[in-house]
Amino acid sequence: MIEHFFMCPHCWQEISMLLDPAYSQVYVEDCEVCCNPIELKVTFFDGEMSDFEAREIGQ
């Protein structure tokens, strides 16, 4: 697992998530600060993160 820091698209606070570099993922997680849902799209290639997107749901 790797820890990745990013800005919440709702409240703009820095938060972190633990990500599994074994595979790419798309899922919804609530912000730990404002509790709004965030759609996360994470892509890994050869164990390295190649793309990360965090966006508001429905946008």
C-alpha atoms as a PDB file:
ATOM      1  CA  MET A   1       0.000   0.000   0.000  1.00  0.00           C
ATOM      2  CA  ILE A   2       1.119   3.534  -0.723  1.00  0.00           C
ATOM      3  CA  GLU A   3      -0.156   6.741   0.839  1.00  0.00           C
ATOM      4  CA  HIS A   4      -1.200   9.407  -1.654  1.00  0.00           C
ATOM      5  CA  PHE A   5      -2.023  13.014  -0.704  1.00  0.00           C
ATOM      6  CA  PHE A   6      -4.444  15.158  -2.740  1.00  0.00           C
ATOM      7  CA  MET A   7      -6.887  18.058  -2.443  1.00  0.00           C
ATOM      8  CA  CYS A   8     -10.593  17.371  -1.862  1.00  0.00           C
ATOM      9  CA  PRO A   9     -12.585  18.814  -4.817  1.00  0.00           C
ATOM     10  CA  HIS A  10     -15.305  19.946  -2.369  1.00  0.00           C
ATOM     11  CA  CYS A  11     -13.522  21.630   0.574  1.00  0.00           C
ATOM     12  CA  TRP A  12      -9.965  21.947  -0.893  1.00  0.00           C
ATOM     13  CA  GLN A  13      -8.364  20.444   2.207  1.00  0.00           C
ATOM     14  CA  GLU A  14      -5.413  18.097   1.776  1.00  0.00           C
ATOM     15  CA  ILE A  15      -6.384  14.500   2.540  1.00  0.00           C
ATOM     16  CA  SER A  16      -4.672  11.174   2.045  1.00  0.00           C
ATOM     17  CA  MET A  17      -5.699   7.708   0.932  1.00  0.00           C
ATOM     18  CA  LEU A  18      -3.966   4.348   1.050  1.00  0.00           C
ATOM     19  CA  LEU A  19      -3.828   2.842  -2.438  1.00  0.00           C
ATOM     20  CA  ASP A  20      -2.937  -0.665  -3.582  1.00  0.00           C
ATOM     21  CA  PRO A  21      -0.394  -0.421  -6.436  1.00  0.00           C
ATOM     22  CA  ALA A  22      -1.213  -3.969  -7.584  1.00  0.00           C
ATOM     23  CA  TYR A  23      -4.093  -2.771  -9.776  1.00  0.00           C
ATOM     24  CA  SER A  24      -5.926   0.284 -11.148  1.00  0.00           C
ATOM     25  CA  GLN A  25      -9.086   1.361  -9.346  1.00  0.00           C
ATOM     26  CA  VAL A  26     -12.243   3.449  -9.734  1.00  0.00           C
ATOM     27  CA  TYR A  27     -14.317   3.945  -6.600  1.00  0.00           C
ATOM     28  CA  VAL A  28     -16.149   6.459  -4.407  1.00  0.00           C
ATOM     29  CA  GLU A  29     -14.783   7.505  -1.024  1.00  0.00           C
ATOM     30  CA  ASP A  30     -16.052  10.191   1.382  1.00  0.00           C
ATOM     31  CA  CYS A  31     -13.730  13.078   2.247  1.00  0.00           C
ATOM     32  CA  GLU A  32     -12.397  12.648   5.780  1.00  0.00           C
ATOM     33  CA  VAL A  33     -12.818  16.409   6.390  1.00  0.00           C
ATOM     34  CA  CYS A  34     -16.162  17.453   4.808  1.00  0.00           C
ATOM     35  CA  CYS A  35     -17.717  13.972   4.289  1.00  0.00           C
ATOM     36  CA  ASN A  36     -18.732  14.688   0.669  1.00  0.00           C
ATOM     37  CA  PRO A  37     -18.307  11.849  -1.850  1.00  0.00           C
ATOM     38  CA  ILE A  38     -15.275  11.865  -4.147  1.00  0.00           C
ATOM     39  CA  GLU A  39     -14.892   9.701  -7.248  1.00  0.00           C
ATOM     40  CA  LEU A  40     -11.325   8.413  -7.398  1.00  0.00           C
ATOM     41  CA  LYS A  41      -9.715   7.055 -10.558  1.00  0.00           C
ATOM     42  CA  VAL A  42      -6.256   5.611  -9.992  1.00  0.00           C
ATOM     43  CA  THR A  43      -4.086   3.986 -12.645  1.00  0.00           C
ATOM     44  CA  PHE A  44      -0.908   2.048 -11.921  1.00  0.00           C
ATOM     45  CA  PHE A  45       1.644   0.764 -14.428  1.00  0.00           C
ATOM     46  CA  ASP A  46       4.411  -1.597 -13.260  1.00  0.00           C
ATOM     47  CA  GLY A  47       3.640  -0.746  -9.634  1.00  0.00           C
ATOM     48  CA  GLU A  48       3.965   3.019 -10.186  1.00  0.00           C
ATOM     49  CA  MET A  49       1.052   5.477 -10.209  1.00  0.00           C
ATOM     50  CA  SER A  50       0.638   6.786 -13.751  1.00  0.00           C
ATOM     51  CA  ASP A  51      -2.638   8.718 -13.296  1.00  0.00           C
ATOM     52  CA  PHE A  52      -4.768   9.986 -10.408  1.00  0.00           C
ATOM     53  CA  GLU A  53      -8.039  11.885 -10.578  1.00  0.00           C
ATOM     54  CA  ALA A  54     -10.282  12.991  -7.697  1.00  0.00           C
ATOM     55  CA  ARG A  55     -13.525  14.692  -8.663  1.00  0.00           C
ATOM     56  CA  GLU A  56     -16.932  15.602  -7.351  1.00  0.00           C
ATOM     57  CA  ILE A  57     -19.664  13.088  -8.125  1.00  0.00           C
ATOM     58  CA  GLY A  58     -21.800  14.075 -11.127  1.00  0.00           C
ATOM     59  CA  GLN A  59     -19.271  16.426 -12.685  1.00  0.00           C
END
